[in-house]
Amino acid sequence: MREEQLETSGVMGLVRAAGGVVTRNSPEGPGEILLVHRPRYDDWTLPKGKAKPGESDEACALREVAEETGLVCVLGAELTVSEYEDGAGRPKRVRYFAMKPAEGAVARPQNEIDDLRWLTRARAVEILTYERDAEVLGRVPRRMLG
């Protein structure tokens, strides 16, 4: 819990975050991955966000995906960890988990998200703003994309 203490004390500590690589089957061919657009940054990225104090990374990932896309998802395995410096110069660690939407769930942009798209991995890599997100998609097992 030292990371959370650093974060809440104002010391330049690690920013803990988590997100989802949400996939679905596509009747037209390869499976698709959900990307979100944030107008504040004018970027295309994967749904993710900062953990609340005391919140597990798994719970954070599910909450953030739901808050940004409206999707209730089934949590899968951890896929990878992305570490980088955030806009404020703090170290940030994002754990990404495989996710599938629950039966009947429909994605809708919400909160700080103004658009979202289901795309093949190849198309998603072309649209993503950050190379680190493309690297995350490179870790998605082929079997997840049907």
Protein backbone atom coordinates (compact mmCIF):
# COMPACT_ATOMS: atom_id res chain seq x y z
CA MET A 1 0.00 0.00 0.00
CA ARG A 2 3.03 2.29 0.01
CA GLU A 3 2.22 3.38 -3.56
CA GLU A 4 -1.21 4.64 -2.47
CA GLN A 5 0.30 6.50 0.48
CA LEU A 6 2.74 8.21 -1.85
CA GLU A 7 -0.06 9.06 -4.25
CA THR A 8 -2.33 10.58 -1.61
CA SER A 9 0.47 12.38 0.23
CA GLY A 10 1.32 14.50 -2.78
CA VAL A 11 4.76 12.93 -3.18
CA MET A 12 5.63 12.10 -6.78
CA GLY A 13 4.81 8.41 -6.32
CA LEU A 14 3.72 5.73 -8.71
CA VAL A 15 0.34 6.26 -10.38
CA ARG A 16 -1.47 2.94 -10.33
CA ALA A 17 -3.96 2.31 -13.14
CA ALA A 18 -5.68 -0.57 -14.91
CA GLY A 19 -7.67 -1.15 -18.05
CA GLY A 20 -9.16 -3.66 -20.39
CA VAL A 21 -8.46 -5.10 -23.79
CA VAL A 22 -12.11 -5.72 -24.59
CA THR A 23 -12.67 -8.12 -27.48
CA ARG A 24 -15.70 -9.55 -29.25
CA ASN A 25 -16.29 -12.04 -32.02
CA SER A 26 -17.17 -10.63 -35.41
CA PRO A 27 -19.41 -12.40 -37.93
CA GLU A 28 -17.40 -10.76 -40.75
CA GLY A 29 -14.10 -12.42 -39.83
CA PRO A 30 -11.41 -11.71 -37.26
CA GLY A 31 -12.42 -10.67 -33.76
CA GLU A 32 -12.52 -7.00 -32.83
CA ILE A 33 -10.96 -4.84 -30.10
CA LEU A 34 -12.66 -1.86 -28.50
CA LEU A 35 -10.90 1.53 -28.68
CA VAL A 36 -12.09 4.76 -27.08
CA HIS A 37 -11.60 8.41 -28.07
CA ARG A 38 -10.96 11.06 -25.40
CA PRO A 39 -11.67 14.59 -26.68
CA ARG A 40 -9.67 16.14 -23.83
CA TYR A 41 -6.50 14.65 -25.31
CA ASP A 42 -7.85 14.03 -28.84
CA ASP A 43 -6.47 10.50 -28.67
CA TRP A 44 -7.53 6.95 -29.45
CA THR A 45 -6.59 4.52 -26.71
CA LEU A 46 -7.69 1.50 -24.70
CA PRO A 47 -10.18 2.01 -21.86
CA LYS A 48 -8.28 2.52 -18.60
CA GLY A 49 -8.00 4.74 -15.57
CA LYS A 50 -6.46 5.38 -12.18
CA ALA A 51 -7.11 3.07 -9.25
CA LYS A 52 -8.92 4.40 -6.20
CA PRO A 53 -7.20 3.96 -2.81
CA GLY A 54 -7.70 0.39 -1.62
CA GLU A 55 -9.12 -0.77 -4.98
CA SER A 56 -7.63 -3.86 -6.58
CA ASP A 57 -6.26 -3.53 -10.11
CA GLU A 58 -8.84 -6.04 -11.34
CA ALA A 59 -11.72 -4.04 -9.83
CA CYS A 60 -10.24 -0.82 -11.23
CA ALA A 61 -10.04 -2.29 -14.75
CA LEU A 62 -13.67 -3.47 -14.68
CA ARG A 63 -14.88 -0.15 -13.22
CA GLU A 64 -12.99 1.98 -15.73
CA VAL A 65 -14.21 -0.03 -18.72
CA ALA A 66 -17.80 0.26 -17.44
CA GLU A 67 -17.47 3.99 -16.73
CA GLU A 68 -16.01 4.77 -20.16
CA THR A 69 -17.98 2.37 -22.36
CA GLY A 70 -21.08 1.31 -20.42
CA LEU A 71 -19.99 -2.31 -20.79
CA VAL A 72 -20.23 -4.81 -17.99
CA CYS A 73 -17.45 -7.26 -18.80
CA VAL A 74 -16.18 -10.65 -17.77
CA LEU A 75 -12.59 -10.36 -16.54
CA GLY A 76 -9.97 -12.60 -18.08
CA ALA A 77 -6.25 -13.03 -17.55
CA GLU A 78 -3.76 -10.22 -17.16
CA LEU A 79 -2.23 -9.55 -20.58
CA THR A 80 0.60 -7.13 -19.87
CA VAL A 81 1.81 -4.15 -17.86
CA SER A 82 2.65 -0.81 -19.46
CA GLU A 83 4.95 1.57 -17.60
CA TYR A 84 5.60 5.17 -18.64
CA GLU A 85 5.71 8.75 -17.39
CA ASP A 86 2.35 10.53 -17.26
CA GLY A 87 1.74 14.11 -18.38
CA ALA A 88 2.71 15.41 -14.92
CA GLY A 89 6.05 13.58 -15.02
CA ARG A 90 5.03 10.87 -12.55
CA PRO A 91 5.79 7.19 -13.13
CA LYS A 92 2.62 5.35 -14.18
CA ARG A 93 1.93 1.63 -14.26
CA VAL A 94 -1.12 0.31 -16.14
CA ARG A 95 -2.12 -3.36 -15.84
CA TYR A 96 -4.23 -4.57 -18.78
CA PHE A 97 -6.65 -7.47 -18.52
CA ALA A 98 -8.45 -9.46 -21.18
CA MET A 99 -12.20 -8.78 -21.13
CA LYS A 100 -15.31 -9.92 -22.95
CA PRO A 101 -18.61 -8.02 -22.79
CA ALA A 102 -21.33 -9.73 -20.78
CA GLU A 103 -24.20 -11.23 -22.78
CA GLY A 104 -26.38 -8.46 -24.22
CA ALA A 105 -24.04 -5.61 -23.18
CA VAL A 106 -23.86 -2.71 -25.63
CA ALA A 107 -20.94 -0.27 -25.79
CA ARG A 108 -21.77 3.43 -25.58
CA PRO A 109 -19.35 6.33 -25.05
CA GLN A 110 -19.71 7.82 -21.57
CA ASN A 111 -18.05 10.33 -19.24
CA GLU A 112 -14.79 11.56 -20.78
CA ILE A 113 -15.24 9.38 -23.88
CA ASP A 114 -16.99 10.84 -26.95
CA ASP A 115 -16.56 7.97 -29.42
CA LEU A 116 -15.65 4.31 -29.49
CA ARG A 117 -14.95 1.79 -32.21
CA TRP A 118 -14.75 -1.97 -32.56
CA LEU A 119 -11.80 -2.69 -34.88
CA THR A 120 -9.65 -5.56 -36.05
CA ARG A 121 -6.22 -5.66 -34.43
CA ALA A 122 -4.57 -4.42 -37.66
CA ARG A 123 -6.94 -1.45 -37.96
CA ALA A 124 -6.71 -0.66 -34.23
CA VAL A 125 -2.91 -0.49 -34.41
CA GLU A 126 -3.23 2.04 -37.27
CA ILE A 127 -5.59 4.28 -35.28
CA LEU A 128 -4.04 4.14 -31.79
CA THR A 129 -2.36 7.39 -30.77
CA TYR A 130 0.31 5.86 -28.53
CA GLU A 131 2.90 3.27 -29.52
CA ARG A 132 2.68 1.80 -25.99
CA ASP A 133 -0.97 0.88 -26.69
CA ALA A 134 0.01 -0.81 -29.95
CA GLU A 135 2.54 -2.81 -27.94
CA VAL A 136 -0.26 -3.87 -25.58
CA LEU A 137 -2.28 -5.13 -28.57
CA GLY A 138 0.76 -7.08 -29.70
CA ARG A 139 0.38 -9.10 -26.48
CA VAL A 140 -3.20 -10.16 -27.26
CA PRO A 141 -3.22 -13.89 -28.04
CA ARG A 142 -4.57 -14.76 -31.47
CA ARG A 143 -7.13 -17.10 -29.84
CA MET A 144 -8.81 -14.08 -28.17
CA LEU A 145 -9.65 -12.69 -31.60
CA GLY A 146 -11.38 -15.83 -32.84
